[in-house]
Every structure is written in C-alpha cells, then in structure tokens.
Amino acid sequence: MAVDFRDNPAEQRFEIYDSEVLAGVADYVIAGDRISLTHTETLPAFAGRGLAKQLITFALEQARAHTLQVIPICPYALRVISENPGAYLDLVPPDARAGFALPSTH
C-alpha cells in the first residue's frame, strides 16, 4: 500500500491516496490563523485500514507547519486530538478547548 497525502486548497481539503486512487478527504476552512477541520471521510472501499487517522495526523502536522491553530469541528479530528493531547492539544487555541471538552493543558 503506497499512500500519498495532498493538500487541495481549491477544494479546501486534505486528501489521502492509495496507489494514486483517492481514498479519503478531510475538509477544512481557513480563517486568519485558524484552520477548522470540518469533516473527515474515508471512501467505503478503503474503510477499516486506519487511513482516516493517517489523514487527520497529516492535517494536524500541516497546521503545525503553517503555524495555524486548529478548531476540531469534525468529531474524528477531535477524537485524534483527545487521544493524543501531548502531541496535538497545543494546536487548539486555549480559548476554544473547553467548548470541545478538551483539557486546558496536557
């Protein structure tokens, strides 16, 4: 399995490809210095392979690389952050954490 990640700003989404076939997307909206992750979807033929987690991890790392704060509207993005606060909680602005039931610090 050769996976590849792409940012598709024209469609406002991150994409994951498996052998050059689109396998999933993570939609986003950028406003100022914040990126809202709004929806993550793995296409049915690729479900159950951990691609959604890889895609959200890519999205979070892209946010970090571009110094963007993350608003995890997508429940799956929120889950990845919640399960890995040491790695990703710092990306969520402190003033937004309580609204997502995230701890104030990790």
C-alpha atoms as a PDB file:
ATOM      1  CA  MET A   1       0.000   0.000   0.000  1.00  0.00           C
ATOM      2  CA  ALA A   2       1.595   3.258  -1.151  1.00  0.00           C
ATOM      3  CA  VAL A   3      -0.259   6.146   0.478  1.00  0.00           C
ATOM      4  CA  ASP A   4       0.216   9.744  -0.522  1.00  0.00           C
ATOM      5  CA  PHE A   5      -1.119  12.896   1.104  1.00  0.00           C
ATOM      6  CA  ARG A   6      -2.069  16.090  -0.677  1.00  0.00           C
ATOM      7  CA  ASP A   7      -3.403  19.485   0.258  1.00  0.00           C
ATOM      8  CA  ASN A   8      -6.048  20.569  -2.229  1.00  0.00           C
ATOM      9  CA  PRO A   9      -6.674  24.243  -1.386  1.00  0.00           C
ATOM     10  CA  ALA A  10      -9.020  24.722  -4.353  1.00  0.00           C
ATOM     11  CA  GLU A  11     -11.377  22.174  -2.748  1.00  0.00           C
ATOM     12  CA  GLN A  12     -10.395  23.168   0.828  1.00  0.00           C
ATOM     13  CA  ARG A  13      -9.464  19.648   1.783  1.00  0.00           C
ATOM     14  CA  PHE A  14      -6.601  17.333   2.537  1.00  0.00           C
ATOM     15  CA  GLU A  15      -6.638  14.113   0.572  1.00  0.00           C
ATOM     16  CA  ILE A  16      -5.170  10.658   1.025  1.00  0.00           C
ATOM     17  CA  TYR A  17      -4.468   8.457  -1.963  1.00  0.00           C
ATOM     18  CA  ASP A  18      -3.748   4.747  -2.051  1.00  0.00           C
ATOM     19  CA  SER A  19      -1.786   3.833  -5.174  1.00  0.00           C
ATOM     20  CA  GLU A  20      -2.964   7.080  -6.832  1.00  0.00           C
ATOM     21  CA  VAL A  21      -6.635   6.358  -6.049  1.00  0.00           C
ATOM     22  CA  LEU A  22      -8.459   8.853  -3.808  1.00  0.00           C
ATOM     23  CA  ALA A  23      -9.168   7.046  -0.544  1.00  0.00           C
ATOM     24  CA  GLY A  24     -10.363   9.814   1.765  1.00  0.00           C
ATOM     25  CA  VAL A  25     -10.715  13.516   2.450  1.00  0.00           C
ATOM     26  CA  ALA A  26     -10.559  15.909   5.388  1.00  0.00           C
ATOM     27  CA  ASP A  27     -12.392  19.162   4.677  1.00  0.00           C
ATOM     28  CA  TYR A  28     -11.185  22.418   6.162  1.00  0.00           C
ATOM     29  CA  VAL A  29     -11.815  26.156   6.291  1.00  0.00           C
ATOM     30  CA  ILE A  30      -9.002  28.617   6.952  1.00  0.00           C
ATOM     31  CA  ALA A  31      -9.830  31.964   8.552  1.00  0.00           C
ATOM     32  CA  GLY A  32      -6.914  34.092   9.652  1.00  0.00           C
ATOM     33  CA  ASP A  33      -4.541  31.980  11.696  1.00  0.00           C
ATOM     34  CA  ARG A  34      -7.077  29.227  12.353  1.00  0.00           C
ATOM     35  CA  ILE A  35      -7.965  26.115  10.395  1.00  0.00           C
ATOM     36  CA  SER A  36     -11.297  24.465  11.145  1.00  0.00           C
ATOM     37  CA  LEU A  37     -11.291  20.751  10.388  1.00  0.00           C
ATOM     38  CA  THR A  38     -14.932  20.234   9.490  1.00  0.00           C
ATOM     39  CA  HIS A  39     -15.366  16.713   8.111  1.00  0.00           C
ATOM     40  CA  THR A  40     -13.329  13.566   7.542  1.00  0.00           C
ATOM     41  CA  GLU A  41     -14.407  10.735   5.309  1.00  0.00           C
ATOM     42  CA  THR A  42     -12.785   7.546   4.097  1.00  0.00           C
ATOM     43  CA  LEU A  43     -14.301   6.160   0.927  1.00  0.00           C
ATOM     44  CA  PRO A  44     -16.085   2.824   1.574  1.00  0.00           C
ATOM     45  CA  ALA A  45     -13.604   0.694  -0.388  1.00  0.00           C
ATOM     46  CA  PHE A  46     -10.823   1.914   1.927  1.00  0.00           C
ATOM     47  CA  ALA A  47     -12.615   1.744   5.288  1.00  0.00           C
ATOM     48  CA  GLY A  48     -11.104  -0.036   8.255  1.00  0.00           C
ATOM     49  CA  ARG A  49      -7.471   0.447   7.269  1.00  0.00           C
ATOM     50  CA  GLY A  50      -6.547   3.354   9.527  1.00  0.00           C
ATOM     51  CA  LEU A  51      -6.405   5.838   6.675  1.00  0.00           C
ATOM     52  CA  ALA A  52      -8.625   8.415   8.400  1.00  0.00           C
ATOM     53  CA  LYS A  53      -6.221   8.615  11.338  1.00  0.00           C
ATOM     54  CA  GLN A  54      -3.268   8.975   8.993  1.00  0.00           C
ATOM     55  CA  LEU A  55      -5.113  11.725   7.129  1.00  0.00           C
ATOM     56  CA  ILE A  56      -6.005  13.672  10.286  1.00  0.00           C
ATOM     57  CA  THR A  57      -2.442  13.283  11.543  1.00  0.00           C
ATOM     58  CA  PHE A  58      -1.255  14.753   8.232  1.00  0.00           C
ATOM     59  CA  ALA A  59      -3.765  17.621   8.575  1.00  0.00           C
ATOM     60  CA  LEU A  60      -2.604  18.381  12.114  1.00  0.00           C
ATOM     61  CA  GLU A  61       1.039  18.322  11.074  1.00  0.00           C
ATOM     62  CA  GLN A  62       0.242  20.656   8.162  1.00  0.00           C
ATOM     63  CA  ALA A  63      -1.468  23.031  10.594  1.00  0.00           C
ATOM     64  CA  ARG A  64       1.623  22.974  12.801  1.00  0.00           C
ATOM     65  CA  ALA A  65       3.948  23.535   9.831  1.00  0.00           C
ATOM     66  CA  HIS A  66       1.901  26.558   8.753  1.00  0.00           C
ATOM     67  CA  THR A  67       1.507  27.901  12.329  1.00  0.00           C
ATOM     68  CA  LEU A  68      -2.263  27.527  12.252  1.00  0.00           C
ATOM     69  CA  GLN A  69      -4.434  26.961  15.290  1.00  0.00           C
ATOM     70  CA  VAL A  70      -6.866  24.064  14.917  1.00  0.00           C
ATOM     71  CA  ILE A  71     -10.608  24.153  15.518  1.00  0.00           C
ATOM     72  CA  PRO A  72     -11.649  20.457  15.561  1.00  0.00           C
ATOM     73  CA  ILE A  73     -15.285  20.649  14.444  1.00  0.00           C
ATOM     74  CA  CYS A  74     -15.027  17.182  12.894  1.00  0.00           C
ATOM     75  CA  PRO A  75     -15.681  14.565  15.605  1.00  0.00           C
ATOM     76  CA  TYR A  76     -12.912  12.343  14.274  1.00  0.00           C
ATOM     77  CA  ALA A  77     -10.329  15.150  14.334  1.00  0.00           C
ATOM     78  CA  LEU A  78     -11.424  15.933  17.886  1.00  0.00           C
ATOM     79  CA  ARG A  79     -11.010  12.266  18.825  1.00  0.00           C
ATOM     80  CA  VAL A  80      -7.452  12.133  17.475  1.00  0.00           C
ATOM     81  CA  ILE A  81      -6.553  15.274  19.436  1.00  0.00           C
ATOM     82  CA  SER A  82      -8.281  13.963  22.597  1.00  0.00           C
ATOM     83  CA  GLU A  83      -6.453  10.646  22.383  1.00  0.00           C
ATOM     84  CA  ASN A  84      -3.077  12.330  21.782  1.00  0.00           C
ATOM     85  CA  PRO A  85      -3.064  15.524  23.858  1.00  0.00           C
ATOM     86  CA  GLY A  86       0.704  15.516  24.265  1.00  0.00           C
ATOM     87  CA  ALA A  87       1.109  15.665  20.504  1.00  0.00           C
ATOM     88  CA  TYR A  88      -1.773  17.885  19.395  1.00  0.00           C
ATOM     89  CA  LEU A  89      -3.550  19.755  22.222  1.00  0.00           C
ATOM     90  CA  ASP A  90      -1.221  22.719  21.768  1.00  0.00           C
ATOM     91  CA  LEU A  91      -2.687  23.255  18.291  1.00  0.00           C
ATOM     92  CA  VAL A  92      -6.149  24.010  19.704  1.00  0.00           C
ATOM     93  CA  PRO A  93      -6.374  27.591  20.995  1.00  0.00           C
ATOM     94  CA  PRO A  94      -6.776  27.676  24.779  1.00  0.00           C
ATOM     95  CA  ASP A  95      -9.954  29.753  24.483  1.00  0.00           C
ATOM     96  CA  ALA A  96     -11.577  27.044  22.344  1.00  0.00           C
ATOM     97  CA  ARG A  97     -10.636  23.952  24.322  1.00  0.00           C
ATOM     98  CA  ALA A  98     -13.496  23.976  26.838  1.00  0.00           C
ATOM     99  CA  GLY A  99     -16.056  24.135  24.011  1.00  0.00           C
ATOM    100  CA  PHE A 100     -14.703  20.812  22.741  1.00  0.00           C
ATOM    101  CA  ALA A 101     -14.389  19.252  26.225  1.00  0.00           C
ATOM    102  CA  LEU A 102     -10.596  19.300  25.888  1.00  0.00           C
ATOM    103  CA  PRO A 103      -8.336  19.848  28.889  1.00  0.00           C
ATOM    104  CA  SER A 104      -6.832  23.291  29.314  1.00  0.00           C
ATOM    105  CA  THR A 105      -3.339  21.771  29.490  1.00  0.00           C
ATOM    106  CA  HIS A 106      -1.832  18.361  28.754  1.00  0.00           C
END
